[in-house]
Protein backbone atom coordinates (compact mmCIF):
# COMPACT_ATOMS: atom_id res chain seq x y z
CA UNK A 1 -192.94 -150.40 -140.39
CA UNK A 2 -191.58 -148.08 -143.28
CA UNK A 3 -188.79 -148.52 -145.48
CA UNK A 4 -186.80 -145.41 -145.46
CA UNK A 5 -184.82 -144.75 -148.58
CA UNK A 6 -181.90 -142.23 -148.71
CA UNK A 7 -180.51 -140.72 -151.85
CA UNK A 8 -177.88 -138.40 -152.41
CA UNK A 9 -178.66 -135.41 -154.73
CA UNK A 10 -175.31 -133.96 -156.48
CA UNK A 11 -176.06 -129.95 -157.41
CA UNK A 12 -173.59 -129.11 -160.35
CA UNK A 13 -172.91 -125.71 -160.85
CA UNK A 14 -170.62 -124.45 -163.61
CA UNK A 15 -167.05 -122.78 -162.97
CA UNK A 16 -167.56 -118.86 -162.08
CA UNK A 17 -164.20 -117.86 -162.75
CA UNK A 18 -164.86 -116.70 -166.57
CA UNK A 19 -167.69 -113.93 -165.60
CA UNK A 20 -165.01 -112.93 -162.72
CA UNK A 21 -162.18 -112.50 -164.93
CA UNK A 22 -164.71 -110.78 -167.52
CA UNK A 23 -165.58 -108.33 -165.06
CA UNK A 24 -161.82 -107.68 -163.82
CA UNK A 25 -161.05 -107.28 -167.48
CA UNK A 26 -163.64 -104.71 -168.36
CA UNK A 27 -163.35 -102.44 -165.27
CA UNK A 28 -159.56 -102.79 -165.39
CA UNK A 29 -159.84 -101.49 -169.18
CA UNK A 30 -162.34 -98.43 -168.54
CA UNK A 31 -160.22 -97.22 -165.35
CA UNK A 32 -156.81 -97.71 -167.15
CA UNK A 33 -158.10 -95.53 -170.27
CA UNK A 34 -158.77 -92.87 -167.77
CA UNK A 35 -155.09 -93.18 -165.98
CA UNK A 36 -153.72 -93.34 -169.52
CA UNK A 37 -155.43 -89.96 -170.37
CA UNK A 38 -157.50 -91.62 -173.35
CA UNK A 39 -160.58 -90.51 -171.81
CA UNK A 40 -161.23 -87.90 -168.88
CA UNK A 41 -163.22 -88.08 -165.68
CA UNK A 42 -164.29 -90.52 -163.13
CA UNK A 43 -168.22 -90.18 -164.15
CA UNK A 44 -168.68 -93.27 -166.46
CA UNK A 45 -165.88 -94.90 -164.75
CA UNK A 46 -168.18 -95.18 -161.78
CA UNK A 47 -170.96 -97.84 -163.07
CA UNK A 48 -168.49 -99.91 -164.52
CA UNK A 49 -166.85 -100.26 -161.25
CA UNK A 50 -169.95 -101.14 -159.62
CA UNK A 51 -171.57 -103.48 -161.72
CA UNK A 52 -168.35 -105.35 -163.49
CA UNK A 53 -165.73 -104.93 -160.91
CA UNK A 54 -167.93 -105.35 -157.93
CA UNK A 55 -171.13 -107.19 -158.44
CA UNK A 56 -169.62 -109.56 -161.07
CA UNK A 57 -166.69 -110.76 -159.03
CA UNK A 58 -169.05 -110.68 -156.15
CA UNK A 59 -170.80 -113.30 -157.91
CA UNK A 60 -168.30 -115.13 -159.08
CA UNK A 61 -167.29 -115.29 -155.24
CA UNK A 62 -170.21 -116.67 -153.80
CA UNK A 63 -170.22 -119.18 -156.59
CA UNK A 64 -166.45 -120.19 -155.88
CA UNK A 65 -167.84 -120.64 -152.39
CA UNK A 66 -170.27 -123.48 -153.54
CA UNK A 67 -167.21 -125.37 -154.97
CA UNK A 68 -165.53 -125.18 -152.21
CA UNK A 69 -162.61 -122.97 -153.74
CA UNK A 70 -161.15 -120.94 -151.02
CA UNK A 71 -158.50 -119.28 -153.10
CA UNK A 72 -161.24 -118.14 -155.96
CA UNK A 73 -163.83 -116.91 -153.32
CA UNK A 74 -161.51 -114.73 -151.53
CA UNK A 75 -159.82 -113.33 -154.22
CA UNK A 76 -162.93 -112.70 -156.30
CA UNK A 77 -164.55 -111.28 -153.06
CA UNK A 78 -161.95 -109.09 -151.80
CA UNK A 79 -161.54 -107.22 -155.24
CA UNK A 80 -165.22 -107.24 -155.62
CA UNK A 81 -165.18 -104.72 -152.28
CA UNK A 82 -162.30 -102.95 -153.18
CA UNK A 83 -164.25 -101.90 -156.45
CA UNK A 84 -167.25 -100.99 -154.38
CA UNK A 85 -164.91 -99.17 -151.90
CA UNK A 86 -163.50 -97.39 -155.04
CA UNK A 87 -166.40 -96.16 -156.59
CA UNK A 88 -167.84 -94.77 -153.35
CA UNK A 89 -164.31 -92.69 -152.87
CA UNK A 90 -164.84 -91.56 -156.20
CA UNK A 91 -168.48 -90.46 -155.76
CA UNK A 92 -167.15 -88.61 -152.55
CA UNK A 93 -164.19 -86.71 -154.57
CA UNK A 94 -166.67 -86.01 -157.06
CA UNK A 95 -168.94 -83.91 -154.40
CA UNK A 96 -172.17 -86.54 -154.86
CA UNK A 97 -172.37 -86.55 -151.07
CA UNK A 98 -171.58 -82.74 -150.06
CA UNK A 99 -168.97 -80.26 -150.90
CA UNK A 100 -167.96 -80.59 -147.32
CA UNK A 101 -167.07 -84.08 -147.53
CA UNK A 102 -165.13 -83.77 -150.90
CA UNK A 103 -163.19 -80.44 -149.29
CA UNK A 104 -161.81 -82.98 -146.28
CA UNK A 105 -161.22 -86.09 -148.50
CA UNK A 106 -157.38 -87.22 -147.82
CA UNK A 107 -156.07 -89.56 -150.50
CA UNK A 108 -153.38 -90.86 -148.06
CA UNK A 109 -156.10 -92.84 -146.74
CA UNK A 110 -156.45 -94.56 -149.79
CA UNK A 111 -152.62 -95.27 -149.74
CA UNK A 112 -153.02 -96.90 -146.92
CA UNK A 113 -155.81 -99.01 -148.18
CA UNK A 114 -153.87 -100.01 -151.53
CA UNK A 115 -150.70 -100.81 -149.48
CA UNK A 116 -153.01 -103.27 -147.59
CA UNK A 117 -154.22 -104.94 -150.81
CA UNK A 118 -150.71 -104.58 -152.24
CA UNK A 119 -149.91 -107.03 -149.27
CA UNK A 120 -152.91 -109.23 -149.94
CA UNK A 121 -152.20 -109.54 -153.37
CA UNK A 122 -148.49 -110.55 -152.94
CA UNK A 123 -149.99 -113.52 -150.76
CA UNK A 124 -152.43 -114.30 -153.36
CA UNK A 125 -149.75 -114.45 -155.91
CA UNK A 126 -148.00 -117.24 -154.53
CA UNK A 127 -151.32 -119.09 -154.76
CA UNK A 128 -151.75 -118.34 -158.41
CA UNK A 129 -148.24 -119.52 -158.93
CA UNK A 130 -149.93 -123.22 -158.51
CA UNK A 131 -153.00 -122.21 -160.42
CA UNK A 132 -151.79 -121.81 -163.93
CA UNK A 133 -149.49 -119.08 -165.41
CA UNK A 134 -151.88 -116.81 -166.91
CA UNK A 135 -153.49 -116.11 -163.51
CA UNK A 136 -149.96 -115.94 -161.93
CA UNK A 137 -148.96 -112.93 -164.61
CA UNK A 138 -152.80 -111.26 -163.95
CA UNK A 139 -151.62 -111.42 -160.07
CA UNK A 140 -148.17 -109.77 -160.71
CA UNK A 141 -149.52 -107.25 -162.58
CA UNK A 142 -152.28 -106.49 -159.84
CA UNK A 143 -149.37 -106.58 -157.56
CA UNK A 144 -147.61 -103.68 -159.72
CA UNK A 145 -150.72 -101.77 -159.91
CA UNK A 146 -151.10 -101.86 -156.02
CA UNK A 147 -147.52 -100.74 -155.93
CA UNK A 148 -148.08 -97.72 -158.24
CA UNK A 149 -151.37 -96.63 -156.79
CA UNK A 150 -149.94 -96.80 -153.13
CA UNK A 151 -147.02 -94.43 -154.23
CA UNK A 152 -149.20 -92.20 -156.19
CA UNK A 153 -151.22 -91.84 -153.55
CA UNK A 154 -148.64 -91.06 -151.01
CA UNK A 155 -147.17 -88.21 -153.52
CA UNK A 156 -143.77 -90.31 -154.00
CA UNK A 157 -142.77 -89.75 -157.53
CA UNK A 158 -146.61 -89.29 -158.88
CA UNK A 159 -145.91 -89.37 -162.43
CA UNK A 160 -143.81 -92.28 -162.22
CA UNK A 161 -146.15 -94.23 -160.38
CA UNK A 162 -149.00 -93.45 -161.92
CA UNK A 163 -147.76 -94.44 -165.16
CA UNK A 164 -147.07 -97.47 -163.65
CA UNK A 165 -150.72 -97.96 -162.30
CA UNK A 166 -151.91 -97.32 -165.64
CA UNK A 167 -149.84 -99.65 -167.98
CA UNK A 168 -150.21 -102.44 -165.15
CA UNK A 169 -153.99 -102.02 -164.99
CA UNK A 170 -154.31 -102.02 -168.63
CA UNK A 171 -152.30 -105.24 -168.76
CA UNK A 172 -154.44 -106.59 -166.41
CA UNK A 173 -157.41 -106.21 -168.44
CA UNK A 174 -156.05 -107.70 -171.67
CA UNK A 175 -154.72 -110.82 -169.86
CA UNK A 176 -158.26 -110.95 -167.98
CA UNK A 177 -160.13 -110.98 -171.21
CA UNK A 178 -157.54 -113.77 -172.43
CA UNK A 179 -158.21 -115.79 -169.35
CA UNK A 180 -161.90 -115.17 -169.23
CA UNK A 181 -162.14 -116.26 -172.79
CA UNK A 182 -160.06 -119.48 -172.03
CA UNK A 183 -162.09 -120.57 -169.07
CA UNK A 184 -165.20 -120.43 -171.30
CA UNK A 185 -163.80 -122.15 -174.57
CA UNK A 186 -161.62 -124.79 -172.95
CA UNK A 187 -164.83 -125.88 -170.91
CA UNK A 188 -167.00 -125.61 -174.12
CA UNK A 189 -164.84 -127.51 -176.40
CA UNK A 190 -163.65 -130.12 -173.85
CA UNK A 191 -159.98 -129.52 -174.69
CA UNK A 192 -157.45 -126.68 -174.63
CA UNK A 193 -158.71 -124.48 -177.28
CA UNK A 194 -156.83 -121.31 -175.55
CA UNK A 195 -153.62 -122.42 -173.34
CA UNK A 196 -153.33 -121.00 -169.93
CA UNK A 197 -150.21 -122.86 -168.77
CA UNK A 198 -149.60 -125.39 -166.00
CA UNK A 199 -148.99 -124.65 -162.25
CA UNK A 200 -145.15 -123.85 -161.88
CA UNK A 201 -144.91 -126.81 -159.09
CA UNK A 202 -142.96 -124.69 -156.76
CA UNK A 203 -145.07 -125.47 -153.92
CA UNK A 204 -146.96 -128.48 -154.56
CA UNK A 205 -146.17 -131.23 -156.88
CA UNK A 206 -148.26 -130.65 -160.09
CA UNK A 207 -151.50 -132.59 -160.50
């Protein structure tokens, strides 16, 4: 008879939130510069949307799935696909896929997508309240971004809501850079180097 020996192997993977937040920070920084009139056109926004907004967050989503982190997996994945779709929409508007397709583009269709993401982001904001305060306020700004984008796409007070979207997006970039740095340095030093704030403790007890 053979004696069988079983051993458990634990695979440890790093927290992917820093790279996901960094991707979010850079794409919103570049995109908000265009909305604020600091830069012109969308041509050089597109690669950052694809590689930072989409791929970096998709990578974080896949890694969070390995951590059994449903919240992180869903959030990073949903926004990764948002930036993929936005890059495709901009390419259509710029005529990359032909003048005919660009001519019949209806921005109100984007408005419906933005409304869907606004509802999703409001729900995720509830979850972020029990994660940490920096992430919560990032989601609040994401809510304001999609509110502004939705009304702007539907042509409702476009100047006001375009400005709301632009400033909210810049705020997302700055807070996300801070959050990404905190995720790296707090882990690297093994202590709270950059505070991110305790959960609010509204929907579940603080651990």
